[in-house]
């Protein structure tokens, strides 16, 4: 797979963990294949990968040389709407520190999860909260909005926070989108795990979605090649993007070279069909 000199109206992207765990090596390799890289950050007792100043300098060199851009996926362990004040404040503070650390890379977006249930790195069967579920959200939206306002104020005018739909329907993110503190990162794989009608959701939110995460789903396994999905389904999604004039980031959120190549090929073939 080589970066295609295509006329796609959006930037093709991949996460920074396709070729193992070395961030700089991943970005160097990916810069030959895609237009944009999602830098995925973790902050757990077992996994902490914030880049050093040396690594950031190396990323700057690659960015300038290869003419790529970045998004930063903030750690999924952040809980800016936690019921525990100390946990909320610590999450907001860590996010602000990452804004400062990563700002030199001029990322287009910071992608943020706002968990309602305890955060997890893998999908939990049966945990998806659909639109018609009678969940008691309580003060969750208010807590999230208060934290988002602080984070919004910590960014410069060229950058945006994108909140990502995780294990609940994107409709629950609408108060945040209406606040203008953020826009939407729409993960189509998460929608499939929740048995959502992806075409309906994509059509509804495409105007407030600068970045889309696209990957295959097999049962409860996500982030696999798009070849795991029916080809007509992927074609239908690409047609929606074409009709809407989508010009943002299409992030193929898979984590192996083979899955990336298969997914990229499928997107390009369905787009030009």
C-alpha atoms as a PDB file:
ATOM      1  CA  UNK A   1       0.000   0.000   0.000  1.00  0.00           C
ATOM      2  CA  UNK A   2       1.285   3.446  -0.965  1.00  0.00           C
ATOM      3  CA  UNK A   3      -0.280   6.839  -0.457  1.00  0.00           C
ATOM      4  CA  UNK A   4      -2.513   7.262  -3.467  1.00  0.00           C
ATOM      5  CA  UNK A   5      -2.500  10.489  -5.430  1.00  0.00           C
ATOM      6  CA  UNK A   6      -6.276  10.313  -5.364  1.00  0.00           C
ATOM      7  CA  UNK A   7      -8.968  12.924  -5.621  1.00  0.00           C
ATOM      8  CA  UNK A   8     -10.784  11.902  -2.469  1.00  0.00           C
ATOM      9  CA  UNK A   9     -12.451  14.973  -0.957  1.00  0.00           C
ATOM     10  CA  UNK A  10     -11.507  13.952   2.590  1.00  0.00           C
ATOM     11  CA  UNK A  11      -8.241  13.092   4.322  1.00  0.00           C
ATOM     12  CA  UNK A  12      -7.519   9.404   4.770  1.00  0.00           C
ATOM     13  CA  UNK A  13      -6.215   8.660   8.251  1.00  0.00           C
ATOM     14  CA  UNK A  14      -4.996   5.825  10.452  1.00  0.00           C
ATOM     15  CA  UNK A  15      -4.187   5.489  14.172  1.00  0.00           C
ATOM     16  CA  UNK A  16      -0.640   5.623  15.497  1.00  0.00           C
ATOM     17  CA  UNK A  17      -0.512   1.933  16.473  1.00  0.00           C
ATOM     18  CA  UNK A  18      -0.691   0.108  13.137  1.00  0.00           C
ATOM     19  CA  UNK A  19       2.982  -0.961  13.158  1.00  0.00           C
ATOM     20  CA  UNK A  20       3.489  -1.806  16.811  1.00  0.00           C
ATOM     21  CA  UNK A  21       3.880   0.582  19.750  1.00  0.00           C
ATOM     22  CA  UNK A  22       6.716   2.904  18.658  1.00  0.00           C
ATOM     23  CA  UNK A  23       5.015   6.237  17.971  1.00  0.00           C
ATOM     24  CA  UNK A  24       7.653   7.816  15.740  1.00  0.00           C
ATOM     25  CA  UNK A  25       8.135   4.662  13.682  1.00  0.00           C
ATOM     26  CA  UNK A  26       4.378   4.404  13.181  1.00  0.00           C
ATOM     27  CA  UNK A  27       4.012   8.006  12.067  1.00  0.00           C
ATOM     28  CA  UNK A  28       7.007   7.698   9.731  1.00  0.00           C
ATOM     29  CA  UNK A  29       5.533   4.611   8.053  1.00  0.00           C
ATOM     30  CA  UNK A  30       1.984   5.939   7.996  1.00  0.00           C
ATOM     31  CA  UNK A  31       3.093   9.230   6.449  1.00  0.00           C
ATOM     32  CA  UNK A  32       3.807   7.266   3.250  1.00  0.00           C
ATOM     33  CA  UNK A  33       0.309   5.739   3.276  1.00  0.00           C
ATOM     34  CA  UNK A  34      -2.206   8.290   4.569  1.00  0.00           C
ATOM     35  CA  UNK A  35      -2.736  12.039   4.802  1.00  0.00           C
ATOM     36  CA  UNK A  36      -3.468  12.237   8.531  1.00  0.00           C
ATOM     37  CA  UNK A  37      -2.501  10.325  11.686  1.00  0.00           C
ATOM     38  CA  UNK A  38      -4.556   9.922  14.844  1.00  0.00           C
ATOM     39  CA  UNK A  39      -2.096   9.972  17.754  1.00  0.00           C
ATOM     40  CA  UNK A  40      -3.645   7.619  20.293  1.00  0.00           C
ATOM     41  CA  UNK A  41      -2.664   8.317  23.901  1.00  0.00           C
ATOM     42  CA  UNK A  42      -3.124   6.033  26.902  1.00  0.00           C
ATOM     43  CA  UNK A  43      -2.887   6.725  30.621  1.00  0.00           C
ATOM     44  CA  UNK A  44      -3.470   3.622  32.720  1.00  0.00           C
ATOM     45  CA  UNK A  45      -1.395   1.824  35.372  1.00  0.00           C
ATOM     46  CA  UNK A  46      -0.315  -0.670  32.695  1.00  0.00           C
ATOM     47  CA  UNK A  47      -0.055   1.578  29.642  1.00  0.00           C
ATOM     48  CA  UNK A  48       1.352   5.110  29.454  1.00  0.00           C
ATOM     49  CA  UNK A  49       2.624   6.396  26.130  1.00  0.00           C
ATOM     50  CA  UNK A  50       2.802  10.192  26.297  1.00  0.00           C
ATOM     51  CA  UNK A  51       5.533  11.282  23.856  1.00  0.00           C
ATOM     52  CA  UNK A  52       8.843  12.704  25.016  1.00  0.00           C
ATOM     53  CA  UNK A  53      10.176  16.035  23.747  1.00  0.00           C
ATOM     54  CA  UNK A  54      12.535  14.094  21.477  1.00  0.00           C
ATOM     55  CA  UNK A  55       9.636  12.173  19.977  1.00  0.00           C
ATOM     56  CA  UNK A  56       7.606  15.341  19.454  1.00  0.00           C
ATOM     57  CA  UNK A  57      10.559  16.924  17.639  1.00  0.00           C
ATOM     58  CA  UNK A  58      10.741  13.860  15.393  1.00  0.00           C
ATOM     59  CA  UNK A  59       7.005  14.060  14.681  1.00  0.00           C
ATOM     60  CA  UNK A  60       7.386  17.718  13.739  1.00  0.00           C
ATOM     61  CA  UNK A  61      10.069  16.808  11.225  1.00  0.00           C
ATOM     62  CA  UNK A  62       7.889  14.106   9.669  1.00  0.00           C
ATOM     63  CA  UNK A  63       4.905  16.444   9.532  1.00  0.00           C
ATOM     64  CA  UNK A  64       6.866  19.137   7.723  1.00  0.00           C
ATOM     65  CA  UNK A  65       8.546  16.731   5.325  1.00  0.00           C
ATOM     66  CA  UNK A  66       5.533  14.590   4.415  1.00  0.00           C
ATOM     67  CA  UNK A  67       2.818  17.268   4.651  1.00  0.00           C
ATOM     68  CA  UNK A  68       0.587  15.283   7.005  1.00  0.00           C
ATOM     69  CA  UNK A  69      -1.706  16.471   9.796  1.00  0.00           C
ATOM     70  CA  UNK A  70      -2.632  15.083  13.205  1.00  0.00           C
ATOM     71  CA  UNK A  71      -5.499  14.491  15.587  1.00  0.00           C
ATOM     72  CA  UNK A  72      -4.860  13.541  19.204  1.00  0.00           C
ATOM     73  CA  UNK A  73      -7.060  10.915  20.806  1.00  0.00           C
ATOM     74  CA  UNK A  74      -7.016  11.775  24.499  1.00  0.00           C
ATOM     75  CA  UNK A  75      -6.757   8.862  26.964  1.00  0.00           C
ATOM     76  CA  UNK A  76      -9.973   6.864  27.244  1.00  0.00           C
ATOM     77  CA  UNK A  77      -9.369   6.692  30.995  1.00  0.00           C
ATOM     78  CA  UNK A  78     -10.331  10.369  31.390  1.00  0.00           C
ATOM     79  CA  UNK A  79     -13.624  10.898  33.224  1.00  0.00           C
ATOM     80  CA  UNK A  80     -14.528  14.557  32.906  1.00  0.00           C
ATOM     81  CA  UNK A  81     -18.138  13.871  33.994  1.00  0.00           C
ATOM     82  CA  UNK A  82     -17.387  11.574  36.931  1.00  0.00           C
ATOM     83  CA  UNK A  83     -19.585  11.833  40.028  1.00  0.00           C
ATOM     84  CA  UNK A  84     -16.324  12.144  42.003  1.00  0.00           C
ATOM     85  CA  UNK A  85     -15.111  15.747  42.002  1.00  0.00           C
ATOM     86  CA  UNK A  86     -11.434  14.831  42.425  1.00  0.00           C
ATOM     87  CA  UNK A  87     -11.581  12.439  39.486  1.00  0.00           C
ATOM     88  CA  UNK A  88     -13.269  15.072  37.303  1.00  0.00           C
ATOM     89  CA  UNK A  89     -10.728  17.716  38.211  1.00  0.00           C
ATOM     90  CA  UNK A  90      -7.787  15.363  37.673  1.00  0.00           C
ATOM     91  CA  UNK A  91      -9.139  14.387  34.235  1.00  0.00           C
ATOM     92  CA  UNK A  92      -9.612  18.003  33.184  1.00  0.00           C
ATOM     93  CA  UNK A  93      -6.145  18.915  34.432  1.00  0.00           C
ATOM     94  CA  UNK A  94      -4.502  16.035  32.559  1.00  0.00           C
ATOM     95  CA  UNK A  95      -6.318  16.990  29.362  1.00  0.00           C
ATOM     96  CA  UNK A  96      -5.122  20.602  29.722  1.00  0.00           C
ATOM     97  CA  UNK A  97      -1.554  19.400  30.247  1.00  0.00           C
ATOM     98  CA  UNK A  98      -1.803  17.312  27.089  1.00  0.00           C
ATOM     99  CA  UNK A  99      -3.107  20.332  25.173  1.00  0.00           C
ATOM    100  CA  UNK A 100       0.066  22.189  26.159  1.00  0.00           C
ATOM    101  CA  UNK A 101       2.348  19.259  25.394  1.00  0.00           C
ATOM    102  CA  UNK A 102       0.820  18.411  22.019  1.00  0.00           C
ATOM    103  CA  UNK A 103       0.013  21.933  20.810  1.00  0.00           C
ATOM    104  CA  UNK A 104       3.363  22.271  19.030  1.00  0.00           C
ATOM    105  CA  UNK A 105       2.145  19.589  16.599  1.00  0.00           C
ATOM    106  CA  UNK A 106      -0.887  21.776  15.800  1.00  0.00           C
ATOM    107  CA  UNK A 107      -3.377  18.903  15.889  1.00  0.00           C
ATOM    108  CA  UNK A 108      -6.611  19.653  14.091  1.00  0.00           C
ATOM    109  CA  UNK A 109      -8.710  17.926  16.760  1.00  0.00           C
ATOM    110  CA  UNK A 110      -8.550  16.495  20.261  1.00  0.00           C
ATOM    111  CA  UNK A 111     -10.847  13.481  20.463  1.00  0.00           C
ATOM    112  CA  UNK A 112     -12.496  12.873  23.805  1.00  0.00           C
ATOM    113  CA  UNK A 113     -14.597  10.108  25.370  1.00  0.00           C
ATOM    114  CA  UNK A 114     -17.112  11.183  28.008  1.00  0.00           C
ATOM    115  CA  UNK A 115     -17.979   7.937  29.800  1.00  0.00           C
ATOM    116  CA  UNK A 116     -21.281   7.525  31.593  1.00  0.00           C
ATOM    117  CA  UNK A 117     -20.338   4.072  32.862  1.00  0.00           C
ATOM    118  CA  UNK A 118     -16.757   3.216  33.971  1.00  0.00           C
ATOM    119  CA  UNK A 119     -14.412   3.575  30.973  1.00  0.00           C
ATOM    120  CA  UNK A 120     -13.212   0.465  29.188  1.00  0.00           C
ATOM    121  CA  UNK A 121     -10.819  -0.200  26.318  1.00  0.00           C
ATOM    122  CA  UNK A 122     -12.963  -3.002  24.876  1.00  0.00           C
ATOM    123  CA  UNK A 123     -16.701  -3.278  24.130  1.00  0.00           C
ATOM    124  CA  UNK A 124     -18.769  -4.925  26.837  1.00  0.00           C
ATOM    125  CA  UNK A 125     -21.605  -7.055  25.405  1.00  0.00           C
ATOM    126  CA  UNK A 126     -25.016  -5.756  26.431  1.00  0.00           C
ATOM    127  CA  UNK A 127     -23.675  -2.457  27.827  1.00  0.00           C
ATOM    128  CA  UNK A 128     -24.840  -0.192  24.978  1.00  0.00           C
ATOM    129  CA  UNK A 129     -27.329   2.510  25.980  1.00  0.00           C
ATOM    130  CA  UNK A 130     -29.753   3.080  23.116  1.00  0.00           C
ATOM    131  CA  UNK A 131     -31.981   6.091  22.533  1.00  0.00           C
ATOM    132  CA  UNK A 132     -35.102   4.379  23.868  1.00  0.00           C
ATOM    133  CA  UNK A 133     -33.470   3.142  27.090  1.00  0.00           C
ATOM    134  CA  UNK A 134     -34.918   4.753  30.192  1.00  0.00           C
ATOM    135  CA  UNK A 135     -31.514   5.579  31.657  1.00  0.00           C
ATOM    136  CA  UNK A 136     -31.397   8.031  34.526  1.00  0.00           C
ATOM    137  CA  UNK A 137     -28.662  10.415  33.418  1.00  0.00           C
ATOM    138  CA  UNK A 138     -29.015  12.681  36.446  1.00  0.00           C
ATOM    139  CA  UNK A 139     -26.447  15.483  36.472  1.00  0.00           C
ATOM    140  CA  UNK A 140     -24.113  13.756  34.004  1.00  0.00           C
ATOM    141  CA  UNK A 141     -24.733  16.294  31.208  1.00  0.00           C
ATOM    142  CA  UNK A 142     -24.214  19.247  33.550  1.00  0.00           C
ATOM    143  CA  UNK A 143     -20.970  17.828  34.924  1.00  0.00           C
ATOM    144  CA  UNK A 144     -19.708  17.143  31.406  1.00  0.00           C
ATOM    145  CA  UNK A 145     -20.644  20.619  30.167  1.00  0.00           C
ATOM    146  CA  UNK A 146     -18.859  22.300  33.058  1.00  0.00           C
ATOM    147  CA  UNK A 147     -15.676  20.368  32.254  1.00  0.00           C
ATOM    148  CA  UNK A 148     -16.023  20.940  28.508  1.00  0.00           C
ATOM    149  CA  UNK A 149     -16.285  24.683  29.062  1.00  0.00           C
ATOM    150  CA  UNK A 150     -12.959  24.655  30.928  1.00  0.00           C
ATOM    151  CA  UNK A 151     -11.303  22.572  28.214  1.00  0.00           C
ATOM    152  CA  UNK A 152     -12.746  24.736  25.445  1.00  0.00           C
ATOM    153  CA  UNK A 153     -11.242  27.784  27.112  1.00  0.00           C
ATOM    154  CA  UNK A 154      -7.825  26.113  27.217  1.00  0.00           C
ATOM    155  CA  UNK A 155      -7.588  25.716  23.412  1.00  0.00           C
ATOM    156  CA  UNK A 156      -6.612  28.263  20.807  1.00  0.00           C
ATOM    157  CA  UNK A 157      -9.057  29.242  18.087  1.00  0.00           C
ATOM    158  CA  UNK A 158      -7.547  26.862  15.527  1.00  0.00           C
ATOM    159  CA  UNK A 159      -8.247  23.669  17.455  1.00  0.00           C
ATOM    160  CA  UNK A 160     -11.412  21.803  18.403  1.00  0.00           C
ATOM    161  CA  UNK A 161     -12.548  19.151  20.825  1.00  0.00           C
ATOM    162  CA  UNK A 162     -14.497  16.316  19.238  1.00  0.00           C
ATOM    163  CA  UNK A 163     -16.586  14.126  21.537  1.00  0.00           C
ATOM    164  CA  UNK A 164     -16.845  10.524  20.356  1.00  0.00           C
ATOM    165  CA  UNK A 165     -19.879   8.281  20.636  1.00  0.00           C
ATOM    166  CA  UNK A 166     -18.848   5.254  22.690  1.00  0.00           C
ATOM    167  CA  UNK A 167     -21.237   2.803  24.367  1.00  0.00           C
ATOM    168  CA  UNK A 168     -24.305   5.004  24.021  1.00  0.00           C
ATOM    169  CA  UNK A 169     -26.333   6.614  21.252  1.00  0.00           C
ATOM    170  CA  UNK A 170     -24.944   9.888  19.824  1.00  0.00           C
ATOM    171  CA  UNK A 171     -28.260  11.533  20.681  1.00  0.00           C
ATOM    172  CA  UNK A 172     -27.032  11.761  24.290  1.00  0.00           C
ATOM    173  CA  UNK A 173     -24.175  13.992  23.081  1.00  0.00           C
ATOM    174  CA  UNK A 174     -26.493  16.605  21.588  1.00  0.00           C
ATOM    175  CA  UNK A 175     -26.409  18.969  24.620  1.00  0.00           C
ATOM    176  CA  UNK A 176     -22.629  19.118  24.245  1.00  0.00           C
ATOM    177  CA  UNK A 177     -22.815  19.777  20.505  1.00  0.00           C
ATOM    178  CA  UNK A 178     -25.382  22.541  21.053  1.00  0.00           C
ATOM    179  CA  UNK A 179     -23.069  24.195  23.583  1.00  0.00           C
ATOM    180  CA  UNK A 180     -20.534  24.911  20.803  1.00  0.00           C
ATOM    181  CA  UNK A 181     -17.742  23.716  23.112  1.00  0.00           C
ATOM    182  CA  UNK A 182     -17.191  20.709  20.830  1.00  0.00           C
ATOM    183  CA  UNK A 183     -18.210  18.885  17.683  1.00  0.00           C
ATOM    184  CA  UNK A 184     -18.679  15.179  16.987  1.00  0.00           C
ATOM    185  CA  UNK A 185     -16.289  12.348  16.163  1.00  0.00           C
ATOM    186  CA  UNK A 186     -18.671   9.713  14.826  1.00  0.00           C
ATOM    187  CA  UNK A 187     -17.481   6.123  15.247  1.00  0.00           C
ATOM    188  CA  UNK A 188     -19.479   3.914  12.888  1.00  0.00           C
ATOM    189  CA  UNK A 189     -18.141   0.708  14.429  1.00  0.00           C
ATOM    190  CA  UNK A 190     -19.485   1.709  17.838  1.00  0.00           C
ATOM    191  CA  UNK A 191     -22.866   2.299  16.218  1.00  0.00           C
ATOM    192  CA  UNK A 192     -22.798  -1.211  14.790  1.00  0.00           C
ATOM    193  CA  UNK A 193     -21.960  -2.670  18.198  1.00  0.00           C
ATOM    194  CA  UNK A 194     -25.049  -0.894  19.518  1.00  0.00           C
ATOM    195  CA  UNK A 195     -27.245  -2.171  16.664  1.00  0.00           C
ATOM    196  CA  UNK A 196     -27.888   1.405  15.547  1.00  0.00           C
ATOM    197  CA  UNK A 197     -29.088   2.203  12.018  1.00  0.00           C
ATOM    198  CA  UNK A 198     -25.748   3.587  10.856  1.00  0.00           C
ATOM    199  CA  UNK A 199     -27.081   5.201   7.686  1.00  0.00           C
ATOM    200  CA  UNK A 200     -29.725   7.145   9.641  1.00  0.00           C
ATOM    201  CA  UNK A 201     -27.240   8.309  12.296  1.00  0.00           C
ATOM    202  CA  UNK A 202     -24.602   9.236   9.727  1.00  0.00           C
ATOM    203  CA  UNK A 203     -27.113  11.273   7.724  1.00  0.00           C
ATOM    204  CA  UNK A 204     -28.359  13.050  10.850  1.00  0.00           C
ATOM    205  CA  UNK A 205     -24.978  14.090  12.252  1.00  0.00           C
ATOM    206  CA  UNK A 206     -22.727  14.456   9.216  1.00  0.00           C
ATOM    207  CA  UNK A 207     -22.899  18.270   9.303  1.00  0.00           C
ATOM    208  CA  UNK A 208     -21.392  18.430  12.824  1.00  0.00           C
ATOM    209  CA  UNK A 209     -18.859  15.624  12.263  1.00  0.00           C
ATOM    210  CA  UNK A 210     -15.353  16.702  11.164  1.00  0.00           C
ATOM    211  CA  UNK A 211     -13.874  13.227  11.800  1.00  0.00           C
ATOM    212  CA  UNK A 212     -15.326   9.763  11.219  1.00  0.00           C
ATOM    213  CA  UNK A 213     -13.907   6.530  12.611  1.00  0.00           C
ATOM    214  CA  UNK A 214     -14.457   3.598  10.292  1.00  0.00           C
ATOM    215  CA  UNK A 215     -13.599  -0.048  10.958  1.00  0.00           C
ATOM    216  CA  UNK A 216     -15.045  -3.514  10.672  1.00  0.00           C
ATOM    217  CA  UNK A 217     -16.961  -5.351  13.381  1.00  0.00           C
ATOM    218  CA  UNK A 218     -17.248  -9.114  13.881  1.00  0.00           C
ATOM    219  CA  UNK A 219     -19.615 -10.036  16.703  1.00  0.00           C
ATOM    220  CA  UNK A 220     -18.292  -8.049  19.663  1.00  0.00           C
ATOM    221  CA  UNK A 221     -14.838  -7.640  18.100  1.00  0.00           C
ATOM    222  CA  UNK A 222     -14.179  -4.182  16.655  1.00  0.00           C
ATOM    223  CA  UNK A 223     -11.346  -2.345  14.887  1.00  0.00           C
ATOM    224  CA  UNK A 224     -10.904  -5.088  12.298  1.00  0.00           C
ATOM    225  CA  UNK A 225     -10.697  -4.780   8.511  1.00  0.00           C
ATOM    226  CA  UNK A 226     -13.659  -3.286   6.672  1.00  0.00           C
ATOM    227  CA  UNK A 227     -13.680  -6.498   4.639  1.00  0.00           C
ATOM    228  CA  UNK A 228     -15.528  -8.038   7.608  1.00  0.00           C
ATOM    229  CA  UNK A 229     -18.583  -5.984   6.579  1.00  0.00           C
ATOM    230  CA  UNK A 230     -20.878  -6.468   3.571  1.00  0.00           C
ATOM    231  CA  UNK A 231     -19.475  -4.466   0.693  1.00  0.00           C
ATOM    232  CA  UNK A 232     -22.860  -2.894  -0.223  1.00  0.00           C
ATOM    233  CA  UNK A 233     -23.057  -1.487   3.309  1.00  0.00           C
ATOM    234  CA  UNK A 234     -19.700   0.262   3.006  1.00  0.00           C
ATOM    235  CA  UNK A 235     -20.710   1.527  -0.445  1.00  0.00           C
ATOM    236  CA  UNK A 236     -23.898   3.004   1.032  1.00  0.00           C
ATOM    237  CA  UNK A 237     -21.920   4.843   3.721  1.00  0.00           C
ATOM    238  CA  UNK A 238     -19.482   6.221   1.146  1.00  0.00           C
ATOM    239  CA  UNK A 239     -22.406   7.451  -0.913  1.00  0.00           C
ATOM    240  CA  UNK A 240     -23.744   9.372   2.092  1.00  0.00           C
ATOM    241  CA  UNK A 241     -20.353  11.044   2.533  1.00  0.00           C
ATOM    242  CA  UNK A 242     -20.271  11.899  -1.173  1.00  0.00           C
ATOM    243  CA  UNK A 243     -23.800  13.327  -1.183  1.00  0.00           C
ATOM    244  CA  UNK A 244     -23.116  15.406   1.961  1.00  0.00           C
ATOM    245  CA  UNK A 245     -19.858  16.758   0.527  1.00  0.00           C
ATOM    246  CA  UNK A 246     -17.879  15.438   3.503  1.00  0.00           C
ATOM    247  CA  UNK A 247     -14.375  16.947   3.462  1.00  0.00           C
ATOM    248  CA  UNK A 248     -13.075  16.063   6.932  1.00  0.00           C
ATOM    249  CA  UNK A 249     -11.033  13.158   8.280  1.00  0.00           C
ATOM    250  CA  UNK A 250     -11.913   9.542   7.476  1.00  0.00           C
ATOM    251  CA  UNK A 251      -9.936   7.567  10.023  1.00  0.00           C
ATOM    252  CA  UNK A 252      -9.549   3.858   9.292  1.00  0.00           C
ATOM    253  CA  UNK A 253      -9.251   2.877  12.959  1.00  0.00           C
ATOM    254  CA  UNK A 254      -7.602  -0.508  12.564  1.00  0.00           C
ATOM    255  CA  UNK A 255      -4.401  -1.778  14.127  1.00  0.00           C
ATOM    256  CA  UNK A 256      -2.544  -3.945  11.629  1.00  0.00           C
ATOM    257  CA  UNK A 257      -0.938  -3.240   8.223  1.00  0.00           C
ATOM    258  CA  UNK A 258      -3.094  -5.861   6.500  1.00  0.00           C
ATOM    259  CA  UNK A 259      -6.334  -4.488   7.929  1.00  0.00           C
ATOM    260  CA  UNK A 260      -5.318  -0.966   6.938  1.00  0.00           C
ATOM    261  CA  UNK A 261      -4.496  -1.936   3.371  1.00  0.00           C
ATOM    262  CA  UNK A 262      -7.717  -3.916   2.929  1.00  0.00           C
ATOM    263  CA  UNK A 263      -9.815  -1.125   4.416  1.00  0.00           C
ATOM    264  CA  UNK A 264      -8.151   1.605   2.373  1.00  0.00           C
ATOM    265  CA  UNK A 265      -8.618  -0.379  -0.836  1.00  0.00           C
ATOM    266  CA  UNK A 266     -12.286  -0.962  -0.090  1.00  0.00           C
ATOM    267  CA  UNK A 267     -12.960   2.716   0.640  1.00  0.00           C
ATOM    268  CA  UNK A 268     -11.296   3.831  -2.575  1.00  0.00           C
ATOM    269  CA  UNK A 269     -13.057   1.205  -4.664  1.00  0.00           C
ATOM    270  CA  UNK A 270     -16.475   2.022  -3.256  1.00  0.00           C
ATOM    271  CA  UNK A 271     -15.907   5.775  -3.612  1.00  0.00           C
ATOM    272  CA  UNK A 272     -15.040   5.542  -7.309  1.00  0.00           C
ATOM    273  CA  UNK A 273     -17.734   2.989  -8.083  1.00  0.00           C
END
